[in-house]
Protein backbone atom coordinates (compact mmCIF):
# COMPACT_ATOMS: atom_id res chain seq x y z
CA MET A 1 -9.26 -10.99 -51.07
CA ARG A 2 -8.92 -12.30 -47.29
CA HIS A 3 -11.54 -11.64 -44.89
CA PRO A 4 -10.94 -11.89 -41.21
CA ALA A 5 -12.43 -15.06 -39.81
CA ALA A 6 -15.65 -14.42 -37.62
CA ARG A 7 -14.68 -14.96 -34.05
CA LYS A 8 -17.43 -16.56 -32.26
CA PRO A 9 -17.94 -14.75 -28.97
CA LEU A 10 -16.76 -16.60 -25.91
CA PRO A 11 -19.18 -17.08 -23.08
CA PRO A 12 -18.74 -14.64 -20.39
CA HIS A 13 -17.26 -17.35 -18.04
CA GLU A 14 -14.55 -18.28 -20.52
CA GLU A 15 -14.06 -14.49 -21.52
CA VAL A 16 -12.97 -13.74 -18.02
CA GLN A 17 -9.83 -15.77 -18.60
CA THR A 18 -8.92 -13.86 -21.70
CA LEU A 19 -8.79 -10.55 -19.78
CA PRO A 20 -5.21 -8.93 -18.90
CA HIS A 21 -3.95 -9.41 -15.44
CA TYR A 22 -4.60 -5.85 -14.69
CA LEU A 23 -8.48 -6.06 -14.84
CA VAL A 24 -11.07 -8.08 -12.93
CA GLY A 25 -13.69 -9.89 -14.72
CA GLU A 26 -16.77 -11.29 -13.34
CA ALA A 27 -19.43 -13.08 -15.16
CA LEU A 28 -23.07 -13.24 -13.78
CA ASP A 29 -26.09 -14.49 -15.50
CA GLY A 30 -24.34 -14.25 -18.88
CA VAL A 31 -23.17 -10.81 -18.37
CA LEU A 32 -19.46 -9.79 -18.35
CA TYR A 33 -18.50 -7.20 -15.71
CA ILE A 34 -14.98 -5.77 -16.07
CA SER A 35 -13.32 -3.58 -13.45
CA SER A 36 -9.81 -2.50 -12.26
CA PRO A 37 -8.69 -4.08 -8.86
CA SER A 38 -9.53 -1.82 -6.17
CA THR A 39 -6.51 -2.10 -3.82
CA GLU A 40 -7.75 1.17 -2.14
CA ARG A 41 -11.12 -0.65 -1.12
CA LEU A 42 -8.99 -3.70 0.13
CA LYS A 43 -6.71 -1.95 2.30
CA GLY A 44 -8.93 -2.11 5.21
CA LEU A 45 -9.11 -5.88 4.91
CA THR A 46 -5.31 -6.06 5.21
CA PRO A 47 -5.64 -6.89 9.21
CA LEU A 48 -7.90 -9.94 8.28
CA LEU A 49 -5.65 -11.57 5.99
CA GLY A 50 -3.04 -12.98 8.35
CA ARG A 51 -5.45 -13.77 11.04
CA ALA A 52 -7.60 -16.58 9.82
CA PRO A 53 -8.91 -18.70 12.90
CA GLU A 54 -7.84 -22.22 13.25
CA GLY A 55 -9.49 -24.45 10.76
CA TRP A 56 -9.95 -21.53 8.33
CA TRP A 57 -8.21 -20.40 5.19
CA TRP A 58 -8.96 -17.14 3.38
CA THR A 59 -8.03 -15.08 0.58
CA ALA A 60 -8.52 -11.80 -1.21
CA ALA A 61 -10.20 -11.49 -4.51
CA PRO A 62 -10.42 -15.29 -5.29
CA ARG A 63 -12.19 -16.06 -8.72
CA LEU A 64 -15.10 -18.49 -7.76
CA LEU A 65 -16.51 -20.55 -10.70
CA MET A 66 -20.03 -21.19 -9.73
CA GLY A 67 -21.74 -22.98 -12.55
CA GLN A 68 -21.59 -20.61 -15.64
CA ASP A 69 -20.86 -17.68 -13.16
CA VAL A 70 -17.45 -16.11 -12.23
CA LEU A 71 -17.59 -14.07 -8.79
CA VAL A 72 -14.83 -12.16 -7.21
CA PRO A 73 -15.71 -11.24 -3.84
CA ASP A 74 -13.15 -9.02 -1.87
CA LEU A 75 -12.61 -11.79 0.57
CA ALA A 76 -13.63 -15.38 1.04
CA GLY A 77 -12.94 -18.12 3.68
CA TRP A 78 -13.31 -21.82 3.69
CA MET A 79 -13.35 -24.17 6.65
CA GLY A 80 -11.16 -27.02 6.49
CA GLY A 81 -8.30 -25.60 4.50
CA ARG A 82 -7.32 -24.29 1.04
CA PRO A 83 -9.59 -25.12 -1.71
CA GLU A 84 -8.15 -26.79 -4.93
CA THR A 85 -7.98 -24.74 -8.16
CA LEU A 86 -8.03 -25.59 -11.78
CA PRO A 87 -4.64 -26.59 -13.12
CA SER A 88 -4.10 -23.29 -14.52
CA GLY A 89 -4.89 -21.73 -10.84
CA THR A 90 -7.32 -19.36 -12.36
CA PHE A 91 -10.65 -20.40 -10.76
CA ILE A 92 -11.66 -22.03 -7.27
CA HIS A 93 -14.62 -24.52 -7.70
CA ARG A 94 -15.31 -25.07 -4.01
CA ILE A 95 -17.94 -22.80 -2.67
CA PRO A 96 -16.58 -20.81 0.18
CA ASN A 97 -18.27 -20.91 3.60
CA TRP A 98 -17.96 -16.98 4.17
CA ILE A 99 -17.50 -14.01 1.72
CA CYS A 100 -17.01 -10.43 2.34
CA GLU A 101 -17.76 -7.51 0.04
CA VAL A 102 -16.49 -3.79 0.56
CA LEU A 103 -18.82 -1.45 -1.06
CA SER A 104 -17.78 1.47 -3.19
CA PRO A 105 -19.87 3.83 -5.25
CA SER A 106 -18.69 1.82 -8.35
CA SER A 107 -19.47 -1.57 -6.95
CA ALA A 108 -22.57 -1.36 -4.34
CA LYS A 109 -25.10 -1.80 -6.99
CA LEU A 110 -23.49 -5.16 -8.40
CA ASP A 111 -22.43 -6.30 -4.88
CA LEU A 112 -25.90 -5.98 -3.41
CA ALA A 113 -28.32 -6.37 -6.03
CA THR A 114 -26.35 -9.16 -8.27
CA LYS A 115 -23.83 -10.74 -6.42
CA LEU A 116 -25.29 -11.35 -2.81
CA PRO A 117 -28.44 -13.24 -4.34
CA ARG A 118 -26.05 -15.30 -6.38
CA TYR A 119 -23.85 -16.25 -3.15
CA ALA A 120 -27.18 -17.27 -1.51
CA ARG A 121 -28.14 -19.63 -4.38
CA ALA A 122 -24.95 -21.18 -4.25
CA GLY A 123 -25.45 -21.95 -0.50
CA ILE A 124 -22.65 -19.76 1.06
CA GLN A 125 -23.55 -19.67 4.68
CA HIS A 126 -22.15 -16.35 5.90
CA ALA A 127 -21.69 -12.77 4.24
CA TRP A 128 -20.25 -9.48 5.57
CA VAL A 129 -20.94 -6.35 3.73
CA ILE A 130 -18.59 -3.47 4.85
CA ASN A 131 -19.72 -0.08 4.02
CA PRO A 132 -16.72 2.19 4.65
CA VAL A 133 -18.32 5.38 3.68
CA ASN A 134 -21.11 4.93 6.40
CA ARG A 135 -18.81 2.79 8.81
CA VAL A 136 -21.11 0.01 9.07
CA LEU A 137 -20.30 -3.73 8.89
CA GLU A 138 -23.36 -5.99 8.35
CA VAL A 139 -23.17 -9.54 9.25
CA PHE A 140 -25.56 -11.91 7.34
CA ARG A 141 -26.25 -15.65 7.80
CA LEU A 142 -28.07 -17.72 5.11
CA ASP A 143 -31.51 -19.01 5.98
CA HIS A 144 -33.13 -21.01 3.16
CA GLU A 145 -31.43 -19.07 0.48
CA ARG A 146 -32.22 -15.79 1.77
CA TRP A 147 -29.88 -13.67 4.06
CA MET A 148 -30.82 -12.78 7.52
CA LEU A 149 -29.17 -9.82 9.10
CA LYS A 150 -27.70 -11.11 12.34
CA ARG A 151 -25.81 -7.86 13.39
CA ALA A 152 -24.62 -4.46 12.26
CA PHE A 153 -21.72 -3.01 13.88
CA VAL A 154 -20.71 0.79 13.49
CA GLY A 155 -17.86 2.96 14.27
CA ASP A 156 -14.56 2.08 15.74
CA GLU A 157 -15.56 -0.58 18.09
CA CYS A 158 -13.89 -4.04 18.44
CA VAL A 159 -16.31 -6.86 17.27
CA ARG A 160 -16.55 -10.58 17.36
CA ALA A 161 -18.83 -11.38 14.28
CA GLU A 162 -20.00 -14.67 12.97
CA PRO A 163 -18.73 -17.04 11.81
CA PHE A 164 -15.40 -15.74 13.80
CA GLU A 165 -16.68 -15.11 17.15
CA GLY A 166 -13.20 -16.30 18.55
CA LEU A 167 -11.46 -13.64 16.57
CA GLU A 168 -11.61 -10.05 17.93
CA LEU A 169 -11.37 -7.30 15.30
CA SER A 170 -11.19 -3.38 15.48
CA LEU A 171 -13.24 -1.96 12.88
CA ALA A 172 -11.07 1.33 12.80
CA PRO A 173 -8.90 0.02 9.99
CA PHE A 174 -11.88 -0.81 7.72
CA TRP A 175 -12.55 2.97 7.58
CA SER A 176 -9.10 4.32 7.43
CA PRO A 177 -8.42 6.35 4.18
CA SER A 178 -4.64 5.57 4.13
């Protein structure tokens, strides 16, 4: 009688690569988090995608490999051009200069309590947290591995938020339900 060979579980950062394309996997501190992509949550970021300031490159939902962790911010940006990826194109090794997370009821706890501290430990210099329910954009800058709130923007105002002070953005699309 044949018995199936026992499969040694993969480390979470490797398990991410085995997930089907329609799932998002993140590995943080040895724990695998699986979710479905939230295209609804990212709709408000569409105005940003084609408007990277000169010298910046940004993309939606990049898979960042940070040591043994795999993090997928809603948006990330790098100064000095596009980062290199692994030959398979699955992970980006270069730490971004800026990340943006859009909160939702299903993601808020992970984004705020787990991912933001990990981004700080990695040395990411700037973070935006968008809360569409409360219509707030919080802009943070890293200071000695701690996030400092630099500014909070509310409502439908047009803003210039660091590190993109040269780019005026309307906040209204971030709150739009369509």
